[in-house]
C-alpha atoms as a PDB file:
ATOM      1  CA  MET A   1      -0.033   0.000   0.132  1.00  0.00           C
ATOM      2  CA  LEU A   2       2.607   2.653   1.025  1.00  0.00           C
ATOM      3  CA  LEU A   3       4.792   1.545  -2.075  1.00  0.00           C
ATOM      4  CA  ASP A   4       1.826   2.014  -4.348  1.00  0.00           C
ATOM      5  CA  LEU A   5       1.064   5.400  -2.899  1.00  0.00           C
ATOM      6  CA  ALA A   6       4.712   6.419  -3.212  1.00  0.00           C
ATOM      7  CA  LYS A   7       4.550   5.504  -6.920  1.00  0.00           C
ATOM      8  CA  GLN A   8       1.091   7.249  -7.504  1.00  0.00           C
ATOM      9  CA  TYR A   9       2.165  10.490  -5.774  1.00  0.00           C
ATOM     10  CA  SER A  10       5.780  10.597  -6.809  1.00  0.00           C
ATOM     11  CA  ASP A  11       5.439  13.948  -8.319  1.00  0.00           C
ATOM     12  CA  ILE A  12       4.947  15.533  -4.692  1.00  0.00           C
ATOM     13  CA  ILE A  13       6.752  12.926  -2.545  1.00  0.00           C
ATOM     14  CA  GLN A  14      10.422  13.348  -2.022  1.00  0.00           C
ATOM     15  CA  GLN A  15      11.060  10.516   0.528  1.00  0.00           C
ATOM     16  CA  ILE A  16       9.240   8.198   2.955  1.00  0.00           C
ATOM     17  CA  GLU A  17      10.778   7.371   6.303  1.00  0.00           C
ATOM     18  CA  VAL A  18       8.957   4.455   7.995  1.00  0.00           C
ATOM     19  CA  GLU A  19       9.580   4.808  11.685  1.00  0.00           C
ATOM     20  CA  ARG A  20       7.380   1.979  12.717  1.00  0.00           C
ATOM     21  CA  PHE A  21       5.427  -0.809  10.938  1.00  0.00           C
ATOM     22  CA  ARG A  22       3.976  -3.690  12.819  1.00  0.00           C
ATOM     23  CA  VAL A  23       1.261  -6.193  11.794  1.00  0.00           C
ATOM     24  CA  ALA A  24      -0.391  -8.661  14.298  1.00  0.00           C
ATOM     25  CA  GLY A  25      -3.091 -10.724  12.442  1.00  0.00           C
ATOM     26  CA  ALA A  26      -5.460  -8.341  10.880  1.00  0.00           C
ATOM     27  CA  SER A  27      -4.201  -5.348  12.967  1.00  0.00           C
ATOM     28  CA  TYR A  28      -1.365  -3.038  12.143  1.00  0.00           C
ATOM     29  CA  GLU A  29       0.526   0.103  13.256  1.00  0.00           C
ATOM     30  CA  LEU A  30       2.161   2.550  10.870  1.00  0.00           C
ATOM     31  CA  ARG A  31       4.197   5.501  11.741  1.00  0.00           C
ATOM     32  CA  ALA A  32       6.109   7.320   9.000  1.00  0.00           C
ATOM     33  CA  VAL A  33       7.203  10.563   7.824  1.00  0.00           C
ATOM     34  CA  ILE A  34       6.698  11.764   4.221  1.00  0.00           C
ATOM     35  CA  SER A  35       8.913  14.448   3.020  1.00  0.00           C
ATOM     36  CA  LEU A  36       7.274  16.490   0.208  1.00  0.00           C
ATOM     37  CA  ASN A  37       8.864  18.335  -2.621  1.00  0.00           C
ATOM     38  CA  ASP A  38       8.069  21.801  -1.248  1.00  0.00           C
ATOM     39  CA  GLY A  39       9.907  21.272   1.832  1.00  0.00           C
ATOM     40  CA  SER A  40       6.836  20.421   3.892  1.00  0.00           C
ATOM     41  CA  LYS A  41       6.419  17.056   5.759  1.00  0.00           C
ATOM     42  CA  LEU A  42       3.519  14.780   6.388  1.00  0.00           C
ATOM     43  CA  PHE A  43       3.654  12.833   9.731  1.00  0.00           C
ATOM     44  CA  VAL A  44       1.485   9.619   9.697  1.00  0.00           C
ATOM     45  CA  LYS A  45       0.024   7.679  12.394  1.00  0.00           C
ATOM     46  CA  ASP A  46      -2.373   4.892  11.252  1.00  0.00           C
ATOM     47  CA  TYR A  47      -3.682   2.119  13.433  1.00  0.00           C
ATOM     48  CA  LEU A  48      -6.032  -0.695  12.901  1.00  0.00           C
ATOM     49  CA  PHE A  49      -6.866  -2.652  16.121  1.00  0.00           C
ATOM     50  CA  LEU A  50      -7.808  -6.175  16.550  1.00  0.00           C
ATOM     51  CA  ASP A  51     -11.491  -5.247  17.245  1.00  0.00           C
ATOM     52  CA  GLY A  52     -11.615  -3.576  13.882  1.00  0.00           C
ATOM     53  CA  THR A  53     -11.577  -0.014  15.128  1.00  0.00           C
ATOM     54  CA  ARG A  54      -9.125   2.474  13.440  1.00  0.00           C
ATOM     55  CA  LYS A  55      -7.394   5.665  14.664  1.00  0.00           C
ATOM     56  CA  TYR A  56      -5.433   7.932  12.359  1.00  0.00           C
ATOM     57  CA  ALA A  57      -3.723  11.280  12.343  1.00  0.00           C
ATOM     58  CA  TYR A  58      -1.914  12.815   9.263  1.00  0.00           C
ATOM     59  CA  HIS A  59      -0.142  15.926  10.487  1.00  0.00           C
ATOM     60  CA  TRP A  60       1.056  18.196   7.619  1.00  0.00           C
ATOM     61  CA  GLN A  61       3.430  20.950   8.551  1.00  0.00           C
ATOM     62  CA  ASP A  62       5.601  23.505   6.498  1.00  0.00           C
ATOM     63  CA  SER A  63       9.345  23.413   6.210  1.00  0.00           C
ATOM     64  CA  GLU A  64       9.436  25.652   9.407  1.00  0.00           C
ATOM     65  CA  GLY A  65       7.382  23.289  11.596  1.00  0.00           C
ATOM     66  CA  GLN A  66       4.174  25.283  11.413  1.00  0.00           C
ATOM     67  CA  LEU A  67       0.855  23.399  11.201  1.00  0.00           C
ATOM     68  CA  LEU A  68      -0.780  23.451   7.749  1.00  0.00           C
ATOM     69  CA  CYS A  69      -3.414  20.849   8.237  1.00  0.00           C
ATOM     70  CA  ARG A  70      -4.021  17.790  10.594  1.00  0.00           C
ATOM     71  CA  TRP A  71      -6.589  15.222   9.871  1.00  0.00           C
ATOM     72  CA  ASP A  72      -7.580  12.881  12.601  1.00  0.00           C
ATOM     73  CA  ASN A  73     -10.573  10.854  14.008  1.00  0.00           C
ATOM     74  CA  ALA A  74     -10.165  11.531  17.705  1.00  0.00           C
ATOM     75  CA  PRO A  75     -13.703  11.522  18.937  1.00  0.00           C
ATOM     76  CA  HIS A  76     -13.852  15.016  20.473  1.00  0.00           C
ATOM     77  CA  TRP A  77     -15.672  17.362  18.100  1.00  0.00           C
ATOM     78  CA  LYS A  78     -19.140  15.913  18.107  1.00  0.00           C
ATOM     79  CA  ALA A  79     -20.891  18.955  16.585  1.00  0.00           C
ATOM     80  CA  LEU A  80     -19.194  18.379  13.223  1.00  0.00           C
ATOM     81  CA  ASN A  81     -21.170  16.585  10.638  1.00  0.00           C
ATOM     82  CA  SER A  82     -18.285  14.196   9.816  1.00  0.00           C
ATOM     83  CA  TYR A  83     -17.646  13.420  13.440  1.00  0.00           C
ATOM     84  CA  PRO A  84     -15.398  11.771  14.421  1.00  0.00           C
ATOM     85  CA  HIS A  85     -13.341  12.773  11.392  1.00  0.00           C
ATOM     86  CA  HIS A  86     -12.201  16.306  11.241  1.00  0.00           C
ATOM     87  CA  ARG A  87      -9.249  18.477  10.473  1.00  0.00           C
ATOM     88  CA  HIS A  88      -7.289  21.274  12.185  1.00  0.00           C
ATOM     89  CA  VAL A  89      -6.275  23.973   9.801  1.00  0.00           C
ATOM     90  CA  GLY A  90      -3.426  26.622   9.990  1.00  0.00           C
ATOM     91  CA  ARG A  91      -1.392  28.047  13.062  1.00  0.00           C
ATOM     92  CA  ASN A  92      -4.660  28.494  15.002  1.00  0.00           C
ATOM     93  CA  GLY A  93      -5.661  24.901  14.470  1.00  0.00           C
ATOM     94  CA  VAL A  94      -9.296  26.013  13.269  1.00  0.00           C
ATOM     95  CA  VAL A  95     -11.447  22.661  13.380  1.00  0.00           C
ATOM     96  CA  GLU A  96     -13.546  21.830  10.409  1.00  0.00           C
ATOM     97  CA  SER A  97     -15.274  18.884   8.979  1.00  0.00           C
ATOM     98  CA  SER A  98     -13.335  16.556   6.934  1.00  0.00           C
ATOM     99  CA  ASP A  99     -13.789  13.887   4.195  1.00  0.00           C
ATOM    100  CA  VAL A 100     -10.143  12.670   4.345  1.00  0.00           C
ATOM    101  CA  ARG A 101     -10.153   8.991   5.880  1.00  0.00           C
ATOM    102  CA  THR A 102      -6.963   7.655   4.540  1.00  0.00           C
ATOM    103  CA  LEU A 103      -3.450   8.439   3.738  1.00  0.00           C
ATOM    104  CA  GLU A 104      -4.499   8.579   0.066  1.00  0.00           C
ATOM    105  CA  ASP A 105      -7.020  10.910   0.717  1.00  0.00           C
ATOM    106  CA  ALA A 106      -4.687  13.216   2.585  1.00  0.00           C
ATOM    107  CA  LEU A 107      -2.093  12.973  -0.184  1.00  0.00           C
ATOM    108  CA  LYS A 108      -4.714  13.805  -2.810  1.00  0.00           C
ATOM    109  CA  GLU A 109      -5.663  16.903  -0.748  1.00  0.00           C
ATOM    110  CA  ILE A 110      -2.037  18.117  -0.560  1.00  0.00           C
ATOM    111  CA  GLY A 111      -1.359  17.275  -4.175  1.00  0.00           C
ATOM    112  CA  GLY A 112      -3.969  19.740  -4.946  1.00  0.00           C
ATOM    113  CA  GLN A 113      -2.075  22.411  -2.807  1.00  0.00           C
ATOM    114  CA  ILE A 114       1.539  22.119  -3.676  1.00  0.00           C
ATOM    115  CA  GLN A 115       3.324  22.152  -7.176  1.00  0.00           C
ATOM    116  CA  PRO A 116       4.224  18.944  -8.512  1.00  0.00           C
ATOM    117  CA  ARG A 117       8.020  18.258  -9.580  1.00  0.00           C
END
């Protein structure tokens, strides 16, 4: 999956560093840092638990470490119509509804905002 995404988004991805990848039965844990061609980075945390629940956070920051966007499904913004899925945007971390659910969704959104090589 990660290799397929690296190929598909090779016009914006410079490097992928997998910090942790573990599989146990049907569950997995993925932690990675994706360096993008504009100097920004996408920090990936994606977990699938044995009970079938999933937790993710895709934290995109600029080359100076400032938040551009973070997509996650932590269950604490119940008023949003996409609950528990949401995104934090910009330095102030404004919280909004989000359709992003997967790493591919996040890369697609990022790809629409940065210049390809």
